[in-house]
Amino acid sequence: RLTARGYGRLRARATTLGLDPAEYTASVRCLLLPAHPACRTRVFFGVG
């Protein structure tokens, strides 16, 4: 949901700038890392 809303914001921004939404966009790759030494779960999410 968070990622989808980000792309929604890009589409709205493209409209404001008068640009093609297909050009005002980006591929994205994200990594979440908990600092606690007992938690070794690593989460990746992205699009493109």
ModelCIF file with pLDDT and N, C-alpha, C, O atoms, coordinates in Angstrom:
data_MODEL
#
_entry.id   MODEL 
#
_entity.id                         1 
_entity.type                       polymer 
_entity.pdbx_number_of_molecules   1 
#
_entity_poly.entity_id                      1 
_entity_poly.type                           'polypeptide(L)' 
_entity_poly.nstd_linkage                   no 
_entity_poly.nstd_monomer                   no 
_entity_poly.pdbx_seq_one_letter_code       RLTARGYGRLRARATTLGLDPAEYTASVRCLLLPAHPACRTRVFFGVG 
_entity_poly.pdbx_seq_one_letter_code_can   RLTARGYGRLRARATTLGLDPAEYTASVRCLLLPAHPACRTRVFFGVG 
_entity_poly.pdbx_strand_id                 A 
#
loop_
_entity_poly_seq.entity_id 
_entity_poly_seq.num 
_entity_poly_seq.mon_id 
_entity_poly_seq.hetero 
1 1  ARG n 
1 2  LEU n 
1 3  THR n 
1 4  ALA n 
1 5  ARG n 
1 6  GLY n 
1 7  TYR n 
1 8  GLY n 
1 9  ARG n 
1 10 LEU n 
1 11 ARG n 
1 12 ALA n 
1 13 ARG n 
1 14 ALA n 
1 15 THR n 
1 16 THR n 
1 17 LEU n 
1 18 GLY n 
1 19 LEU n 
1 20 ASP n 
1 21 PRO n 
1 22 ALA n 
1 23 GLU n 
1 24 TYR n 
1 25 THR n 
1 26 ALA n 
1 27 SER n 
1 28 VAL n 
1 29 ARG n 
1 30 CYS n 
1 31 LEU n 
1 32 LEU n 
1 33 LEU n 
1 34 PRO n 
1 35 ALA n 
1 36 HIS n 
1 37 PRO n 
1 38 ALA n 
1 39 CYS n 
1 40 ARG n 
1 41 THR n 
1 42 ARG n 
1 43 VAL n 
1 44 PHE n 
1 45 PHE n 
1 46 GLY n 
1 47 VAL n 
1 48 GLY n 
#
_struct_asym.id          A 
_struct_asym.entity_id   1 
#
loop_
_ma_qa_metric.id 
_ma_qa_metric.mode 
_ma_qa_metric.name 
_ma_qa_metric.software_group_id 
_ma_qa_metric.type 
1 global pLDDT . pLDDT 
2 local  pLDDT . pLDDT 
#
_ma_qa_metric_global.metric_id      1 
_ma_qa_metric_global.metric_value   94.88 
_ma_qa_metric_global.model_id       1 
_ma_qa_metric_global.ordinal_id     1 
#
loop_
_ma_qa_metric_local.label_asym_id 
_ma_qa_metric_local.label_comp_id 
_ma_qa_metric_local.label_seq_id 
_ma_qa_metric_local.metric_id 
_ma_qa_metric_local.metric_value 
_ma_qa_metric_local.model_id 
_ma_qa_metric_local.ordinal_id 
A ARG 1  2 95.00 1 1  
A LEU 2  2 95.00 1 2  
A THR 3  2 95.00 1 3  
A ALA 4  2 94.00 1 4  
A ARG 5  2 94.00 1 5  
A GLY 6  2 94.00 1 6  
A TYR 7  2 95.00 1 7  
A GLY 8  2 94.00 1 8  
A ARG 9  2 94.00 1 9  
A LEU 10 2 94.00 1 10 
A ARG 11 2 94.00 1 11 
A ALA 12 2 95.00 1 12 
A ARG 13 2 95.00 1 13 
A ALA 14 2 94.00 1 14 
A THR 15 2 94.00 1 15 
A THR 16 2 95.00 1 16 
A LEU 17 2 94.00 1 17 
A GLY 18 2 94.00 1 18 
A LEU 19 2 93.00 1 19 
A ASP 20 2 92.00 1 20 
A PRO 21 2 92.00 1 21 
A ALA 22 2 91.00 1 22 
A GLU 23 2 90.00 1 23 
A TYR 24 2 93.00 1 24 
A THR 25 2 94.00 1 25 
A ALA 26 2 95.00 1 26 
A SER 27 2 95.00 1 27 
A VAL 28 2 96.00 1 28 
A ARG 29 2 96.00 1 29 
A CYS 30 2 98.00 1 30 
A LEU 31 2 98.00 1 31 
A LEU 32 2 98.00 1 32 
A LEU 33 2 97.00 1 33 
A PRO 34 2 97.00 1 34 
A ALA 35 2 96.00 1 35 
A HIS 36 2 96.00 1 36 
A PRO 37 2 95.00 1 37 
A ALA 38 2 95.00 1 38 
A CYS 39 2 96.00 1 39 
A ARG 40 2 96.00 1 40 
A THR 41 2 96.00 1 41 
A ARG 42 2 97.00 1 42 
A VAL 43 2 97.00 1 43 
A PHE 44 2 97.00 1 44 
A PHE 45 2 96.00 1 45 
A GLY 46 2 95.00 1 46 
A VAL 47 2 95.00 1 47 
A GLY 48 2 93.00 1 48 
#
loop_
_atom_site.group_PDB 
_atom_site.id 
_atom_site.type_symbol 
_atom_site.label_atom_id 
_atom_site.label_alt_id 
_atom_site.label_comp_id 
_atom_site.label_asym_id 
_atom_site.label_entity_id 
_atom_site.label_seq_id 
_atom_site.pdbx_PDB_ins_code 
_atom_site.Cartn_x 
_atom_site.Cartn_y 
_atom_site.Cartn_z 
_atom_site.occupancy 
_atom_site.B_iso_or_equiv 
_atom_site.pdbx_formal_charge 
_atom_site.auth_seq_id 
_atom_site.auth_comp_id 
_atom_site.auth_asym_id 
_atom_site.auth_atom_id 
_atom_site.pdbx_PDB_model_num 
ATOM 1   N N  . ARG A 1 1  ? 0.826  -1.205  0.000   1.00 95.00 ? 1  ARG A N  1 
ATOM 2   C CA . ARG A 1 1  ? 0.000  0.000   0.000   1.00 95.00 ? 1  ARG A CA 1 
ATOM 3   C C  . ARG A 1 1  ? 0.862  1.258   0.000   1.00 95.00 ? 1  ARG A C  1 
ATOM 4   O O  . ARG A 1 1  ? 0.573  2.222   -0.708  1.00 95.00 ? 1  ARG A O  1 
ATOM 5   N N  . LEU A 1 2  ? 1.910  1.236   0.791   1.00 95.00 ? 2  LEU A N  1 
ATOM 6   C CA . LEU A 1 2  ? 2.810  2.390   0.871   1.00 95.00 ? 2  LEU A CA 1 
ATOM 7   C C  . LEU A 1 2  ? 3.429  2.689   -0.495  1.00 95.00 ? 2  LEU A C  1 
ATOM 8   O O  . LEU A 1 2  ? 3.478  3.843   -0.920  1.00 95.00 ? 2  LEU A O  1 
ATOM 9   N N  . THR A 1 3  ? 3.898  1.651   -1.174  1.00 95.00 ? 3  THR A N  1 
ATOM 10  C CA . THR A 1 3  ? 4.523  1.827   -2.488  1.00 95.00 ? 3  THR A CA 1 
ATOM 11  C C  . THR A 1 3  ? 3.521  2.322   -3.515  1.00 95.00 ? 3  THR A C  1 
ATOM 12  O O  . THR A 1 3  ? 3.834  3.208   -4.310  1.00 95.00 ? 3  THR A O  1 
ATOM 13  N N  . ALA A 1 4  ? 2.311  1.754   -3.508  1.00 94.00 ? 4  ALA A N  1 
ATOM 14  C CA . ALA A 1 4  ? 1.285  2.176   -4.455  1.00 94.00 ? 4  ALA A CA 1 
ATOM 15  C C  . ALA A 1 4  ? 0.940  3.648   -4.274  1.00 94.00 ? 4  ALA A C  1 
ATOM 16  O O  . ALA A 1 4  ? 0.738  4.370   -5.251  1.00 94.00 ? 4  ALA A O  1 
ATOM 17  N N  . ARG A 1 5  ? 0.872  4.088   -3.023  1.00 94.00 ? 5  ARG A N  1 
ATOM 18  C CA . ARG A 1 5  ? 0.581  5.504   -2.783  1.00 94.00 ? 5  ARG A CA 1 
ATOM 19  C C  . ARG A 1 5  ? 1.702  6.398   -3.288  1.00 94.00 ? 5  ARG A C  1 
ATOM 20  O O  . ARG A 1 5  ? 1.455  7.509   -3.757  1.00 94.00 ? 5  ARG A O  1 
ATOM 21  N N  . GLY A 1 6  ? 2.935  5.913   -3.191  1.00 94.00 ? 6  GLY A N  1 
ATOM 22  C CA . GLY A 1 6  ? 4.059  6.671   -3.731  1.00 94.00 ? 6  GLY A CA 1 
ATOM 23  C C  . GLY A 1 6  ? 3.937  6.886   -5.227  1.00 94.00 ? 6  GLY A C  1 
ATOM 24  O O  . GLY A 1 6  ? 4.212  7.976   -5.730  1.00 94.00 ? 6  GLY A O  1 
ATOM 25  N N  . TYR A 1 7  ? 3.521  5.839   -5.941  1.00 95.00 ? 7  TYR A N  1 
ATOM 26  C CA . TYR A 1 7  ? 3.339  5.995   -7.385  1.00 95.00 ? 7  TYR A CA 1 
ATOM 27  C C  . TYR A 1 7  ? 2.139  6.873   -7.699  1.00 95.00 ? 7  TYR A C  1 
ATOM 28  O O  . TYR A 1 7  ? 2.131  7.574   -8.711  1.00 95.00 ? 7  TYR A O  1 
ATOM 29  N N  . GLY A 1 8  ? 1.133  6.844   -6.848  1.00 94.00 ? 8  GLY A N  1 
ATOM 30  C CA . GLY A 1 8  ? 0.015  7.754   -7.027  1.00 94.00 ? 8  GLY A CA 1 
ATOM 31  C C  . GLY A 1 8  ? 0.448  9.208   -6.909  1.00 94.00 ? 8  GLY A C  1 
ATOM 32  O O  . GLY A 1 8  ? -0.012 10.063  -7.665  1.00 94.00 ? 8  GLY A O  1 
ATOM 33  N N  . ARG A 1 9  ? 1.325  9.482   -5.967  1.00 94.00 ? 9  ARG A N  1 
ATOM 34  C CA . ARG A 1 9  ? 1.848  10.839  -5.804  1.00 94.00 ? 9  ARG A CA 1 
ATOM 35  C C  . ARG A 1 9  ? 2.660  11.264  -7.024  1.00 94.00 ? 9  ARG A C  1 
ATOM 36  O O  . ARG A 1 9  ? 2.586  12.417  -7.450  1.00 94.00 ? 9  ARG A O  1 
ATOM 37  N N  . LEU A 1 10 ? 3.437  10.333  -7.587  1.00 94.00 ? 10 LEU A N  1 
ATOM 38  C CA . LEU A 1 10 ? 4.210  10.666  -8.788  1.00 94.00 ? 10 LEU A CA 1 
ATOM 39  C C  . LEU A 1 10 ? 3.285  11.002  -9.958  1.00 94.00 ? 10 LEU A C  1 
ATOM 40  O O  . LEU A 1 10 ? 3.554  11.941  -10.707 1.00 94.00 ? 10 LEU A O  1 
ATOM 41  N N  . ARG A 1 11 ? 2.198  10.242  -10.120 1.00 94.00 ? 11 ARG A N  1 
ATOM 42  C CA . ARG A 1 11 ? 1.259  10.532  -11.199 1.00 94.00 ? 11 ARG A CA 1 
ATOM 43  C C  . ARG A 1 11 ? 0.617  11.905  -11.014 1.00 94.00 ? 11 ARG A C  1 
ATOM 44  O O  . ARG A 1 11 ? 0.455  12.659  -11.973 1.00 94.00 ? 11 ARG A O  1 
ATOM 45  N N  . ALA A 1 12 ? 0.254  12.220  -9.767  1.00 95.00 ? 12 ALA A N  1 
ATOM 46  C CA . ALA A 1 12 ? -0.344 13.529  -9.509  1.00 95.00 ? 12 ALA A CA 1 
ATOM 47  C C  . ALA A 1 12 ? 0.656  14.646  -9.778  1.00 95.00 ? 12 ALA A C  1 
ATOM 48  O O  . ALA A 1 12 ? 0.305  15.687  -10.334 1.00 95.00 ? 12 ALA A O  1 
ATOM 49  N N  . ARG A 1 13 ? 1.900  14.421  -9.379  1.00 95.00 ? 13 ARG A N  1 
ATOM 50  C CA . ARG A 1 13 ? 2.936  15.428  -9.610  1.00 95.00 ? 13 ARG A CA 1 
ATOM 51  C C  . ARG A 1 13 ? 3.191  15.622  -11.096 1.00 95.00 ? 13 ARG A C  1 
ATOM 52  O O  . ARG A 1 13 ? 3.400  16.750  -11.542 1.00 95.00 ? 13 ARG A O  1 
ATOM 53  N N  . ALA A 1 14 ? 3.176  14.539  -11.875 1.00 94.00 ? 14 ALA A N  1 
ATOM 54  C CA . ALA A 1 14 ? 3.368  14.634  -13.321 1.00 94.00 ? 14 ALA A CA 1 
ATOM 55  C C  . ALA A 1 14 ? 2.279  15.486  -13.957 1.00 94.00 ? 14 ALA A C  1 
ATOM 56  O O  . ALA A 1 14 ? 2.555  16.297  -14.841 1.00 94.00 ? 14 ALA A O  1 
ATOM 57  N N  . THR A 1 15 ? 1.042  15.302  -13.508 1.00 94.00 ? 15 THR A N  1 
ATOM 58  C CA . THR A 1 15 ? -0.066 16.095  -14.036 1.00 94.00 ? 15 THR A CA 1 
ATOM 59  C C  . THR A 1 15 ? 0.133  17.579  -13.729 1.00 94.00 ? 15 THR A C  1 
ATOM 60  O O  . THR A 1 15 ? -0.117 18.438  -14.575 1.00 94.00 ? 15 THR A O  1 
ATOM 61  N N  . THR A 1 16 ? 0.585  17.867  -12.511 1.00 95.00 ? 16 THR A N  1 
ATOM 62  C CA . THR A 1 16 ? 0.839  19.254  -12.122 1.00 95.00 ? 16 THR A CA 1 
ATOM 63  C C  . THR A 1 16 ? 1.911  19.891  -12.998 1.00 95.00 ? 16 THR A C  1 
ATOM 64  O O  . THR A 1 16 ? 1.812  21.063  -13.359 1.00 95.00 ? 16 THR A O  1 
ATOM 65  N N  . LEU A 1 17 ? 2.943  19.105  -13.339 1.00 94.00 ? 17 LEU A N  1 
ATOM 66  C CA . LEU A 1 17 ? 4.060  19.614  -14.135 1.00 94.00 ? 17 LEU A CA 1 
ATOM 67  C C  . LEU A 1 17 ? 3.782  19.587  -15.632 1.00 94.00 ? 17 LEU A C  1 
ATOM 68  O O  . LEU A 1 17 ? 4.579  20.096  -16.419 1.00 94.00 ? 17 LEU A O  1 
ATOM 69  N N  . GLY A 1 18 ? 2.653  18.994  -16.034 1.00 94.00 ? 18 GLY A N  1 
ATOM 70  C CA . GLY A 1 18 ? 2.343  18.882  -17.459 1.00 94.00 ? 18 GLY A CA 1 
ATOM 71  C C  . GLY A 1 18 ? 3.176  17.842  -18.168 1.00 94.00 ? 18 GLY A C  1 
ATOM 72  O O  . GLY A 1 18 ? 3.448  17.966  -19.362 1.00 94.00 ? 18 GLY A O  1 
ATOM 73  N N  . LEU A 1 19 ? 3.586  16.807  -17.434 1.00 93.00 ? 19 LEU A N  1 
ATOM 74  C CA . LEU A 1 19 ? 4.426  15.763  -18.003 1.00 93.00 ? 19 LEU A CA 1 
ATOM 75  C C  . LEU A 1 19 ? 3.644  14.471  -18.161 1.00 93.00 ? 19 LEU A C  1 
ATOM 76  O O  . LEU A 1 19 ? 2.625  14.259  -17.504 1.00 93.00 ? 19 LEU A O  1 
ATOM 77  N N  . ASP A 1 20 ? 4.132  13.617  -19.038 1.00 92.00 ? 20 ASP A N  1 
ATOM 78  C CA . ASP A 1 20 ? 3.549  12.288  -19.222 1.00 92.00 ? 20 ASP A CA 1 
ATOM 79  C C  . ASP A 1 20 ? 3.848  11.457  -17.978 1.00 92.00 ? 20 ASP A C  1 
ATOM 80  O O  . ASP A 1 20 ? 5.021  11.300  -17.636 1.00 92.00 ? 20 ASP A O  1 
ATOM 81  N N  . PRO A 1 21 ? 2.843  10.916  -17.283 1.00 92.00 ? 21 PRO A N  1 
ATOM 82  C CA . PRO A 1 21 ? 3.105  10.097  -16.087 1.00 92.00 ? 21 PRO A CA 1 
ATOM 83  C C  . PRO A 1 21 ? 4.012  8.903   -16.361 1.00 92.00 ? 21 PRO A C  1 
ATOM 84  O O  . PRO A 1 21 ? 4.696  8.428   -15.455 1.00 92.00 ? 21 PRO A O  1 
ATOM 85  N N  . ALA A 1 22 ? 4.026  8.408   -17.612 1.00 91.00 ? 22 ALA A N  1 
ATOM 86  C CA . ALA A 1 22 ? 4.899  7.277   -17.948 1.00 91.00 ? 22 ALA A CA 1 
ATOM 87  C C  . ALA A 1 22 ? 6.371  7.689   -17.948 1.00 91.00 ? 22 ALA A C  1 
ATOM 88  O O  . ALA A 1 22 ? 7.250  6.829   -17.889 1.00 91.00 ? 22 ALA A O  1 
ATOM 89  N N  . GLU A 1 23 ? 6.650  8.993   -18.013 1.00 90.00 ? 23 GLU A N  1 
ATOM 90  C CA . GLU A 1 23 ? 8.025  9.482   -17.980 1.00 90.00 ? 23 GLU A CA 1 
ATOM 91  C C  . GLU A 1 23 ? 8.419  9.985   -16.598 1.00 90.00 ? 23 GLU A C  1 
ATOM 92  O O  . GLU A 1 23 ? 9.574  9.859   -16.193 1.00 90.00 ? 23 GLU A O  1 
ATOM 93  N N  . TYR A 1 24 ? 7.462  10.553  -15.879 1.00 93.00 ? 24 TYR A N  1 
ATOM 94  C CA . TYR A 1 24 ? 7.766  11.039  -14.532 1.00 93.00 ? 24 TYR A CA 1 
ATOM 95  C C  . TYR A 1 24 ? 7.489  9.910   -13.538 1.00 93.00 ? 24 TYR A C  1 
ATOM 96  O O  . TYR A 1 24 ? 6.508  9.942   -12.795 1.00 93.00 ? 24 TYR A O  1 
ATOM 97  N N  . THR A 1 25 ? 8.361  8.930   -13.544 1.00 94.00 ? 25 THR A N  1 
ATOM 98  C CA . THR A 1 25 ? 8.222  7.770   -12.675 1.00 94.00 ? 25 THR A CA 1 
ATOM 99  C C  . THR A 1 25 ? 9.612  7.196   -12.421 1.00 94.00 ? 25 THR A C  1 
ATOM 100 O O  . THR A 1 25 ? 10.600 7.707   -12.947 1.00 94.00 ? 25 THR A O  1 
ATOM 101 N N  . ALA A 1 26 ? 9.693  6.151   -11.627 1.00 95.00 ? 26 ALA A N  1 
ATOM 102 C CA . ALA A 1 26 ? 10.999 5.584   -11.280 1.00 95.00 ? 26 ALA A CA 1 
ATOM 103 C C  . ALA A 1 26 ? 10.837 4.152   -10.808 1.00 95.00 ? 26 ALA A C  1 
ATOM 104 O O  . ALA A 1 26 ? 9.837  3.800   -10.181 1.00 95.00 ? 26 ALA A O  1 
ATOM 105 N N  . SER A 1 27 ? 11.828 3.331   -11.115 1.00 95.00 ? 27 SER A N  1 
ATOM 106 C CA . SER A 1 27 ? 11.929 2.027   -10.466 1.00 95.00 ? 27 SER A CA 1 
ATOM 107 C C  . SER A 1 27 ? 12.438 2.243   -9.048  1.00 95.00 ? 27 SER A C  1 
ATOM 108 O O  . SER A 1 27 ? 13.180 3.190   -8.788  1.00 95.00 ? 27 SER A O  1 
ATOM 109 N N  . VAL A 1 28 ? 12.039 1.367   -8.132  1.00 96.00 ? 28 VAL A N  1 
ATOM 110 C CA . VAL A 1 28 ? 12.442 1.567   -6.743  1.00 96.00 ? 28 VAL A CA 1 
ATOM 111 C C  . VAL A 1 28 ? 12.756 0.224   -6.093  1.00 96.00 ? 28 VAL A C  1 
ATOM 112 O O  . VAL A 1 28 ? 12.069 -0.771  -6.324  1.00 96.00 ? 28 VAL A O  1 
ATOM 113 N N  . ARG A 1 29 ? 13.794 0.216   -5.288  1.00 96.00 ? 29 ARG A N  1 
ATOM 114 C CA . ARG A 1 29 ? 14.215 -0.950  -4.512  1.00 96.00 ? 29 ARG A CA 1 
ATOM 115 C C  . ARG A 1 29 ? 14.462 -0.483  -3.081  1.00 96.00 ? 29 ARG A C  1 
ATOM 116 O O  . ARG A 1 29 ? 15.173 0.499   -2.867  1.00 96.00 ? 29 ARG A O  1 
ATOM 117 N N  . CYS A 1 30 ? 13.878 -1.180  -2.090  1.00 98.00 ? 30 CYS A N  1 
ATOM 118 C CA . CYS A 1 30 ? 13.985 -0.755  -0.699  1.00 98.00 ? 30 CYS A CA 1 
ATOM 119 C C  . CYS A 1 30 ? 14.420 -1.928  0.178   1.00 98.00 ? 30 CYS A C  1 
ATOM 120 O O  . CYS A 1 30 ? 14.140 -3.087  -0.127  1.00 98.00 ? 30 CYS A O  1 
ATOM 121 N N  . LEU A 1 31 ? 15.110 -1.603  1.274   1.00 98.00 ? 31 LEU A N  1 
ATOM 122 C CA . LEU A 1 31 ? 15.569 -2.610  2.223   1.00 98.00 ? 31 LEU A CA 1 
ATOM 123 C C  . LEU A 1 31 ? 15.318 -2.101  3.635   1.00 98.00 ? 31 LEU A C  1 
ATOM 124 O O  . LEU A 1 31 ? 15.718 -0.990  3.984   1.00 98.00 ? 31 LEU A O  1 
ATOM 125 N N  . LEU A 1 32 ? 14.648 -2.923  4.447   1.00 98.00 ? 32 LEU A N  1 
ATOM 126 C CA . LEU A 1 32 ? 14.398 -2.608  5.856   1.00 98.00 ? 32 LEU A CA 1 
ATOM 127 C C  . LEU A 1 32 ? 15.288 -3.477  6.728   1.00 98.00 ? 32 LEU A C  1 
ATOM 128 O O  . LEU A 1 32 ? 15.333 -4.696  6.561   1.00 98.00 ? 32 LEU A O  1 
ATOM 129 N N  . LEU A 1 33 ? 16.007 -2.838  7.673   1.00 97.00 ? 33 LEU A N  1 
ATOM 130 C CA . LEU A 1 33 ? 16.961 -3.523  8.530   1.00 97.00 ? 33 LEU A CA 1 
ATOM 131 C C  . LEU A 1 33 ? 16.731 -3.127  9.980   1.00 97.00 ? 33 LEU A C  1 
ATOM 132 O O  . LEU A 1 33 ? 16.984 -1.977  10.336  1.00 97.00 ? 33 LEU A O  1 
ATOM 133 N N  . PRO A 1 34 ? 16.262 -4.030  10.828  1.00 97.00 ? 34 PRO A N  1 
ATOM 134 C CA . PRO A 1 34 ? 16.122 -3.701  12.246  1.00 97.00 ? 34 PRO A CA 1 
ATOM 135 C C  . PRO A 1 34 ? 17.483 -3.631  12.918  1.00 97.00 ? 34 PRO A C  1 
ATOM 136 O O  . PRO A 1 34 ? 18.357 -4.456  12.650  1.00 97.00 ? 34 PRO A O  1 
ATOM 137 N N  . ALA A 1 35 ? 17.663 -2.647  13.790  1.00 96.00 ? 35 ALA A N  1 
ATOM 138 C CA . ALA A 1 35 ? 18.965 -2.462  14.442  1.00 96.00 ? 35 ALA A CA 1 
ATOM 139 C C  . ALA A 1 35 ? 19.200 -3.456  15.567  1.00 96.00 ? 35 ALA A C  1 
ATOM 140 O O  . ALA A 1 35 ? 20.348 -3.680  15.951  1.00 96.00 ? 35 ALA A O  1 
ATOM 141 N N  . HIS A 1 36 ? 18.142 -4.060  16.109  1.00 96.00 ? 36 HIS A N  1 
ATOM 142 C CA . HIS A 1 36 ? 18.302 -4.968  17.250  1.00 96.00 ? 36 HIS A CA 1 
ATOM 143 C C  . HIS A 1 36 ? 19.125 -6.187  16.839  1.00 96.00 ? 36 HIS A C  1 
ATOM 144 O O  . HIS A 1 36 ? 18.789 -6.845  15.854  1.00 96.00 ? 36 HIS A O  1 
ATOM 145 N N  . PRO A 1 37 ? 20.199 -6.503  17.572  1.00 95.00 ? 37 PRO A N  1 
ATOM 146 C CA . PRO A 1 37 ? 21.070 -7.615  17.172  1.00 95.00 ? 37 PRO A CA 1 
ATOM 147 C C  . PRO A 1 37 ? 20.395 -8.980  17.215  1.00 95.00 ? 37 PRO A C  1 
ATOM 148 O O  . PRO A 1 37 ? 20.869 -9.920  16.577  1.00 95.00 ? 37 PRO A O  1 
ATOM 149 N N  . ALA A 1 38 ? 19.292 -9.106  17.959  1.00 95.00 ? 38 ALA A N  1 
ATOM 150 C CA . ALA A 1 38 ? 18.609 -10.405 18.040  1.00 95.00 ? 38 ALA A CA 1 
ATOM 151 C C  . ALA A 1 38 ? 17.658 -10.645 16.879  1.00 95.00 ? 38 ALA A C  1 
ATOM 152 O O  . ALA A 1 38 ? 17.173 -11.762 16.699  1.00 95.00 ? 38 ALA A O  1 
ATOM 153 N N  . CYS A 1 39 ? 17.387 -9.619  16.094  1.00 96.00 ? 39 CYS A N  1 
ATOM 154 C CA . CYS A 1 39 ? 16.461 -9.746  14.964  1.00 96.00 ? 39 CYS A CA 1 
ATOM 155 C C  . CYS A 1 39 ? 17.244 -9.721  13.666  1.00 96.00 ? 39 CYS A C  1 
ATOM 156 O O  . CYS A 1 39 ? 17.824 -8.697  13.308  1.00 96.00 ? 39 CYS A O  1 
ATOM 157 N N  . ARG A 1 40 ? 17.264 -10.831 12.968  1.00 96.00 ? 40 ARG A N  1 
ATOM 158 C CA . ARG A 1 40 ? 18.010 -10.930 11.708  1.00 96.00 ? 40 ARG A CA 1 
ATOM 159 C C  . ARG A 1 40 ? 17.078 -10.969 10.494  1.00 96.00 ? 40 ARG A C  1 
ATOM 160 O O  . ARG A 1 40 ? 17.492 -11.387 9.413   1.00 96.00 ? 40 ARG A O  1 
ATOM 161 N N  . THR A 1 41 ? 15.842 -10.546 10.659  1.00 96.00 ? 41 THR A N  1 
ATOM 162 C CA . THR A 1 41 ? 14.931 -10.475 9.529   1.00 96.00 ? 41 THR A CA 1 
ATOM 163 C C  . THR A 1 41 ? 15.318 -9.299  8.634   1.00 96.00 ? 41 THR A C  1 
ATOM 164 O O  . THR A 1 41 ? 15.511 -8.182  9.114   1.00 96.00 ? 41 THR A O  1 
ATOM 165 N N  . ARG A 1 42 ? 15.428 -9.555  7.343   1.00 97.00 ? 42 ARG A N  1 
ATOM 166 C CA . ARG A 1 42 ? 15.748 -8.522  6.360   1.00 97.00 ? 42 ARG A CA 1 
ATOM 167 C C  . ARG A 1 42 ? 14.625 -8.501  5.326   1.00 97.00 ? 42 ARG A C  1 
ATOM 168 O O  . ARG A 1 42 ? 14.281 -9.541  4.765   1.00 97.00 ? 42 ARG A O  1 
ATOM 169 N N  . VAL A 1 43 ? 14.060 -7.339  5.074   1.00 97.00 ? 43 VAL A N  1 
ATOM 170 C CA . VAL A 1 43 ? 12.906 -7.237  4.180   1.00 97.00 ? 43 VAL A CA 1 
ATOM 171 C C  . VAL A 1 43 ? 13.238 -6.352  2.987   1.00 97.00 ? 43 VAL A C  1 
ATOM 172 O O  . VAL A 1 43 ? 13.668 -5.208  3.134   1.00 97.00 ? 43 VAL A O  1 
ATOM 173 N N  . PHE A 1 44 ? 13.026 -6.916  1.801   1.00 97.00 ? 44 PHE A N  1 
ATOM 174 C CA . PHE A 1 44 ? 13.199 -6.191  0.546   1.00 97.00 ? 44 PHE A CA 1 
ATOM 175 C C  . PHE A 1 44 ? 11.828 -5.994  -0.098  1.00 97.00 ? 44 PHE A C  1 
ATOM 176 O O  . PHE A 1 44 ? 10.995 -6.899  -0.068  1.00 97.00 ? 44 PHE A O  1 
ATOM 177 N N  . PHE A 1 45 ? 11.588 -4.813  -0.681  1.00 96.00 ? 45 PHE A N  1 
ATOM 178 C CA . PHE A 1 45 ? 10.388 -4.605  -1.488  1.00 96.00 ? 45 PHE A CA 1 
ATOM 179 C C  . PHE A 1 45 ? 10.689 -3.587  -2.569  1.00 96.00 ? 45 PHE A C  1 
ATOM 180 O O  . PHE A 1 45 ? 11.583 -2.754  -2.418  1.00 96.00 ? 45 PHE A O  1 
ATOM 181 N N  . GLY A 1 46 ? 9.942  -3.655  -3.662  1.00 95.00 ? 46 GLY A N  1 
ATOM 182 C CA . GLY A 1 46 ? 10.208 -2.724  -4.742  1.00 95.00 ? 46 GLY A CA 1 
ATOM 183 C C  . GLY A 1 46 ? 9.348  -2.966  -5.958  1.00 95.00 ? 46 GLY A C  1 
ATOM 184 O O  . GLY A 1 46 ? 8.510  -3.867  -5.988  1.00 95.00 ? 46 GLY A O  1 
ATOM 185 N N  . VAL A 1 47 ? 9.578  -2.124  -6.978  1.00 95.00 ? 47 VAL A N  1 
ATOM 186 C CA . VAL A 1 47 ? 8.871  -2.179  -8.252  1.00 95.00 ? 47 VAL A CA 1 
ATOM 187 C C  . VAL A 1 47 ? 9.855  -1.795  -9.346  1.00 95.00 ? 47 VAL A C  1 
ATOM 188 O O  . VAL A 1 47 ? 10.647 -0.870  -9.168  1.00 95.00 ? 47 VAL A O  1 
ATOM 189 N N  . GLY A 1 48 ? 9.814  -2.501  -10.485 1.00 93.00 ? 48 GLY A N  1 
ATOM 190 C CA . GLY A 1 48 ? 10.628 -2.125  -11.632 1.00 93.00 ? 48 GLY A CA 1 
ATOM 191 C C  . GLY A 1 48 ? 11.994 -2.770  -11.644 1.00 93.00 ? 48 GLY A C  1 
ATOM 192 O O  . GLY A 1 48 ? 12.781 -2.534  -12.561 1.00 93.00 ? 48 GLY A O  1 
#
